Amino acid sequence: MEKSNGTAYPTSTSSSAENAVLRGVEQAGNTLHSTIDKVADPARSTVNRAATAAHNTVDKLANGANSVAGKFSDQAHRLTDAPLQAVDYSKAYIKDHPLQAVGAALLAGLVIGRLTASRY
């Protein structure tokens, strides 16, 4: 055998036994590569399916979280706007019915005063 760059190559003087061994090694290598590919292909498709399912699940969770965050934000705005709306409504009622508003305030003061007064 001749050596070139550290690799053994058969020469014309190589025996047929050496050629047979080399062909056997090459055939075994090809068979192993084929077997590896046969085993890896189903695993690859399974991994791809699992990855796709995981991505879809994450997308659904993100969409759900965005929806909940939007609803929470709407509710928070409603809660912060409610006192302002109550004050605005009260102001409008007092302007439209000043005597009733004064009477209600006097009555509320009287009731609160009676409830909180100590009776010794």
Protein backbone atom coordinates (compact mmCIF):
# COMPACT_ATOMS: atom_id res chain seq x y z
CA MET A 1 0.00 0.00 0.00
CA GLU A 2 1.06 3.53 -0.66
CA LYS A 3 0.56 6.24 1.90
CA SER A 4 -0.40 9.73 0.91
CA ASN A 5 -1.33 12.32 3.58
CA GLY A 6 -1.49 9.57 6.18
CA THR A 7 -4.20 7.54 4.36
CA ALA A 8 -3.59 4.03 3.07
CA TYR A 9 -4.62 3.40 -0.56
CA PRO A 10 -4.40 0.09 -2.39
CA THR A 11 -1.86 -0.15 -5.16
CA SER A 12 -1.95 -2.33 -8.20
CA THR A 13 0.08 -4.85 -6.23
CA SER A 14 -2.56 -5.09 -3.47
CA SER A 15 -3.94 -8.47 -2.94
CA SER A 16 -7.53 -9.31 -3.68
CA ALA A 17 -7.98 -10.02 0.04
CA GLU A 18 -7.10 -6.42 0.87
CA ASN A 19 -9.55 -5.21 -1.79
CA ALA A 20 -12.24 -7.45 -0.35
CA VAL A 21 -11.60 -6.11 3.17
CA LEU A 22 -11.75 -2.52 1.93
CA ARG A 23 -14.99 -3.21 0.04
CA GLY A 24 -16.41 -4.89 3.15
CA VAL A 25 -15.47 -1.93 5.35
CA GLU A 26 -16.96 0.51 2.83
CA GLN A 27 -20.13 -1.56 2.55
CA ALA A 28 -20.42 -1.79 6.35
CA GLY A 29 -19.99 1.98 6.60
CA ASN A 30 -22.69 2.56 3.98
CA THR A 31 -25.01 0.13 5.78
CA LEU A 32 -24.43 1.90 9.08
CA HIS A 33 -25.10 5.30 7.51
CA SER A 34 -28.32 3.97 6.00
CA THR A 35 -29.40 2.48 9.33
CA ILE A 36 -28.66 5.72 11.14
CA ASP A 37 -30.73 7.65 8.60
CA LYS A 38 -33.63 5.17 8.95
CA VAL A 39 -33.58 5.56 12.74
CA ALA A 40 -33.08 9.35 12.71
CA ASP A 41 -35.85 10.22 10.23
CA PRO A 42 -38.79 9.18 12.44
CA ALA A 43 -37.12 10.79 15.45
CA ARG A 44 -36.63 13.99 13.46
CA SER A 45 -40.31 14.12 12.48
CA THR A 46 -41.36 13.39 16.08
CA VAL A 47 -39.14 16.18 17.37
CA ASN A 48 -40.54 18.54 14.71
CA ARG A 49 -44.12 17.66 15.70
CA ALA A 50 -43.32 18.18 19.38
CA ALA A 51 -41.63 21.51 18.65
CA THR A 52 -44.59 22.67 16.56
CA ALA A 53 -47.02 21.67 19.31
CA ALA A 54 -44.91 23.50 21.90
CA HIS A 55 -44.81 26.65 19.75
CA ASN A 56 -48.58 26.51 19.24
CA THR A 57 -49.13 26.12 22.97
CA VAL A 58 -46.89 29.09 23.73
CA ASP A 59 -48.75 31.17 21.13
CA LYS A 60 -52.13 30.24 22.68
CA LEU A 61 -50.84 31.10 26.16
CA ALA A 62 -49.49 34.44 24.95
CA ASN A 63 -52.79 35.28 23.23
CA GLY A 64 -54.71 34.34 26.38
CA ALA A 65 -52.41 36.43 28.55
CA ASN A 66 -52.82 39.41 26.21
CA SER A 67 -56.61 39.01 26.36
CA VAL A 68 -56.60 38.85 30.16
CA ALA A 69 -54.27 41.84 30.36
CA GLY A 70 -56.59 43.83 28.08
CA LYS A 71 -59.65 42.95 30.16
CA PHE A 72 -57.79 43.78 33.37
CA SER A 73 -56.76 47.14 31.93
CA ASP A 74 -60.39 47.89 30.95
CA GLN A 75 -61.61 47.01 34.45
CA ALA A 76 -58.89 49.12 36.04
CA HIS A 77 -59.96 52.12 33.93
CA ARG A 78 -63.57 51.56 34.93
CA LEU A 79 -62.63 51.41 38.61
CA THR A 80 -60.56 54.58 38.43
CA ASP A 81 -63.27 56.38 36.43
CA ALA A 82 -66.16 55.34 38.74
CA PRO A 83 -65.43 57.83 41.57
CA LEU A 84 -65.01 60.64 39.05
CA GLN A 85 -68.32 59.73 37.44
CA ALA A 86 -70.01 59.66 40.87
CA VAL A 87 -68.66 63.14 41.67
CA ASP A 88 -69.78 64.45 38.28
CA TYR A 89 -73.24 62.94 38.79
CA SER A 90 -73.46 64.47 42.27
CA LYS A 91 -72.45 67.91 40.99
CA ALA A 92 -75.06 67.74 38.24
CA TYR A 93 -77.76 66.65 40.72
CA ILE A 94 -76.88 69.45 43.15
CA LYS A 95 -77.07 72.02 40.32
CA ASP A 96 -80.44 70.68 39.15
CA HIS A 97 -81.97 70.23 42.65
CA PRO A 98 -80.20 72.57 45.12
CA LEU A 99 -82.89 72.55 47.83
CA GLN A 100 -83.21 68.77 47.82
CA ALA A 101 -79.41 68.47 48.01
CA VAL A 102 -79.25 70.80 51.04
CA GLY A 103 -82.13 68.91 52.69
CA ALA A 104 -80.43 65.55 52.04
CA ALA A 105 -77.15 66.89 53.46
CA LEU A 106 -78.92 68.17 56.61
CA LEU A 107 -80.74 64.85 57.05
CA ALA A 108 -77.51 62.86 56.54
CA GLY A 109 -75.74 65.08 59.09
CA LEU A 110 -78.55 64.63 61.59
CA VAL A 111 -78.56 60.81 61.19
CA ILE A 112 -74.79 60.55 61.44
CA GLY A 113 -74.77 62.86 64.47
CA ARG A 114 -77.41 60.75 66.26
CA LEU A 115 -75.62 57.50 65.47
CA THR A 116 -72.25 58.71 66.69
CA ALA A 117 -73.43 60.70 69.72
CA SER A 118 -72.63 59.07 73.03
CA ARG A 119 -75.51 58.51 75.40
CA TYR A 120 -74.20 58.66 78.94
